[in-house]
Amino acid sequence: MNQIVIGAALPYLISLCVYIARRGRASMALLITAPLSMTACAIWAVIPDLPRALGMNDLYHRLAADPRINIFFMHYTIDKIETDSILYTPAFVLMAVSLFIVAWREVWLREQEQERRP
C-alpha cells in the first residue's frame, strides 16, 4: 500500500498547492486532472510489483534486485527500507475523501453563485 500512497501523493500535493493558490477554488480541469494523475502515478509506482501479481516470480525478483526501478517513484529504495505501517491506508483514504470534499464544495459554491445571479 505504501507504493500506491507515495505515487499518488506527488500529484495530490501539486493539486493542493494549486487549490491553495487559487484561494480555495478548484477549476473543472483540476477536479478532473487531480484524481486522474493520482491514479496514473499510483499505477506507475506499482509497475515493478505487477510481475508478482501475474505469477512471473523470476521477473519480479530480478526487478526487485535492480536499483534502476527507482524510476518508479523510488520503488527499489522504498522496498529496501520499508516498514509496515497502519498509516498508509488512512493517508490514502484521507487523500480520496479530501478530493470528494473539494469537488462537493466547488459544486455547492457554483450553485450559490448561480442563485445570486438575477
Protein backbone atom coordinates (compact mmCIF):
# COMPACT_ATOMS: atom_id res chain seq x y z
CA MET A 1 0.00 0.00 0.00
CA ASN A 2 2.91 2.36 0.65
CA GLN A 3 3.91 2.45 -3.04
CA ILE A 4 0.37 3.45 -4.03
CA VAL A 5 0.21 6.22 -1.42
CA ILE A 6 3.65 7.56 -2.29
CA GLY A 7 2.84 7.50 -6.00
CA ALA A 8 -0.46 9.32 -5.52
CA ALA A 9 0.99 11.83 -3.06
CA LEU A 10 3.01 13.88 -5.56
CA PRO A 11 0.09 14.88 -7.83
CA TYR A 12 -2.08 15.29 -4.74
CA LEU A 13 0.36 17.78 -3.22
CA ILE A 14 0.68 19.67 -6.51
CA SER A 15 -3.11 19.86 -6.77
CA LEU A 16 -3.31 21.00 -3.16
CA CYS A 17 -0.83 23.82 -3.86
CA VAL A 18 -2.86 24.91 -6.90
CA TYR A 19 -6.05 24.79 -4.82
CA ILE A 20 -4.50 26.92 -2.08
CA ALA A 21 -3.01 29.36 -4.62
CA ARG A 22 -6.48 29.82 -6.13
CA ARG A 23 -7.81 30.69 -2.66
CA GLY A 24 -9.84 27.56 -2.16
CA ARG A 25 -11.37 27.31 -5.61
CA ALA A 26 -10.98 24.38 -7.99
CA SER A 27 -11.46 24.58 -11.72
CA MET A 28 -13.11 21.77 -13.63
CA ALA A 29 -9.70 20.93 -15.08
CA LEU A 30 -8.25 20.50 -11.59
CA LEU A 31 -11.20 18.38 -10.47
CA ILE A 32 -10.60 16.05 -13.43
CA THR A 33 -6.82 16.00 -13.66
CA ALA A 34 -6.08 15.60 -9.94
CA PRO A 35 -7.68 12.16 -9.50
CA LEU A 36 -6.57 11.00 -12.95
CA SER A 37 -2.95 11.98 -12.32
CA MET A 38 -3.07 10.45 -8.85
CA THR A 39 -4.32 7.19 -10.35
CA ALA A 40 -1.70 7.24 -13.12
CA CYS A 41 1.13 7.91 -10.67
CA ALA A 42 -0.11 5.23 -8.25
CA ILE A 43 -0.13 2.70 -11.09
CA TRP A 44 3.33 3.86 -12.20
CA ALA A 45 4.62 3.32 -8.65
CA VAL A 46 3.50 -0.32 -8.53
CA ILE A 47 4.59 -1.40 -12.02
CA PRO A 48 7.61 -3.31 -10.60
CA ASP A 49 5.20 -5.37 -8.46
CA LEU A 50 2.94 -6.39 -11.37
CA PRO A 51 5.03 -9.45 -12.39
CA ARG A 52 4.45 -10.92 -8.93
CA ALA A 53 0.70 -10.38 -9.26
CA LEU A 54 0.79 -12.05 -12.68
CA GLY A 55 2.73 -15.07 -11.40
CA MET A 56 6.05 -14.14 -13.06
CA ASN A 57 8.14 -14.55 -9.93
CA ASP A 58 11.51 -14.75 -11.73
CA LEU A 59 10.95 -11.38 -13.40
CA TYR A 60 9.68 -9.91 -10.15
CA HIS A 61 12.81 -10.99 -8.23
CA ARG A 62 15.09 -9.64 -10.98
CA LEU A 63 13.30 -6.30 -10.86
CA ALA A 64 13.33 -6.21 -7.06
CA ALA A 65 17.12 -6.54 -7.09
CA ASP A 66 17.67 -3.84 -9.74
CA PRO A 67 18.25 -0.27 -8.47
CA ARG A 68 17.08 1.09 -11.83
CA ILE A 69 13.48 0.56 -10.75
CA ASN A 70 13.88 3.71 -8.69
CA ILE A 71 12.35 5.49 -11.71
CA PHE A 72 9.05 4.16 -10.36
CA PHE A 73 8.87 6.69 -7.51
CA MET A 74 11.94 5.32 -5.71
CA HIS A 75 10.47 1.79 -5.66
CA TYR A 76 13.79 0.00 -5.09
CA THR A 77 14.82 2.27 -2.23
CA ILE A 78 11.43 2.09 -0.56
CA ASP A 79 11.43 -1.71 -0.81
CA LYS A 80 14.79 -1.78 0.96
CA ILE A 81 13.76 0.47 3.85
CA GLU A 82 10.00 -0.04 4.04
CA THR A 83 8.20 -0.89 7.22
CA ASP A 84 4.63 -1.98 7.65
CA SER A 85 2.53 0.84 8.97
CA ILE A 86 -1.16 1.19 9.53
CA LEU A 87 -0.89 4.85 8.46
CA TYR A 88 -0.74 4.18 4.70
CA THR A 89 -4.40 3.23 4.43
CA PRO A 90 -5.70 6.25 6.37
CA ALA A 91 -3.43 8.51 4.30
CA PHE A 92 -4.87 7.11 1.08
CA VAL A 93 -8.43 7.42 2.38
CA LEU A 94 -7.73 10.98 3.54
CA MET A 95 -6.48 11.95 0.08
CA ALA A 96 -9.54 10.42 -1.61
CA VAL A 97 -12.04 11.91 0.83
CA SER A 98 -10.47 15.36 0.59
CA LEU A 99 -10.82 15.24 -3.20
CA PHE A 100 -14.51 14.43 -2.85
CA ILE A 101 -14.97 17.23 -0.31
CA VAL A 102 -13.28 19.76 -2.61
CA ALA A 103 -15.45 18.66 -5.55
CA TRP A 104 -18.61 18.78 -3.43
CA ARG A 105 -17.69 22.21 -2.08
CA GLU A 106 -16.99 23.53 -5.56
CA VAL A 107 -20.38 22.32 -6.83
CA TRP A 108 -22.06 23.94 -3.82
CA LEU A 109 -20.21 27.24 -4.36
CA ARG A 110 -21.12 27.31 -8.04
CA GLU A 111 -24.77 26.65 -7.20
CA GLN A 112 -24.68 29.51 -4.70
CA GLU A 113 -23.21 31.80 -7.35
CA GLN A 114 -25.94 30.78 -9.81
CA GLU A 115 -28.67 31.55 -7.26
CA ARG A 116 -27.27 35.05 -6.63
CA ARG A 117 -27.36 35.97 -10.30
CA PRO A 118 -30.63 37.56 -11.47
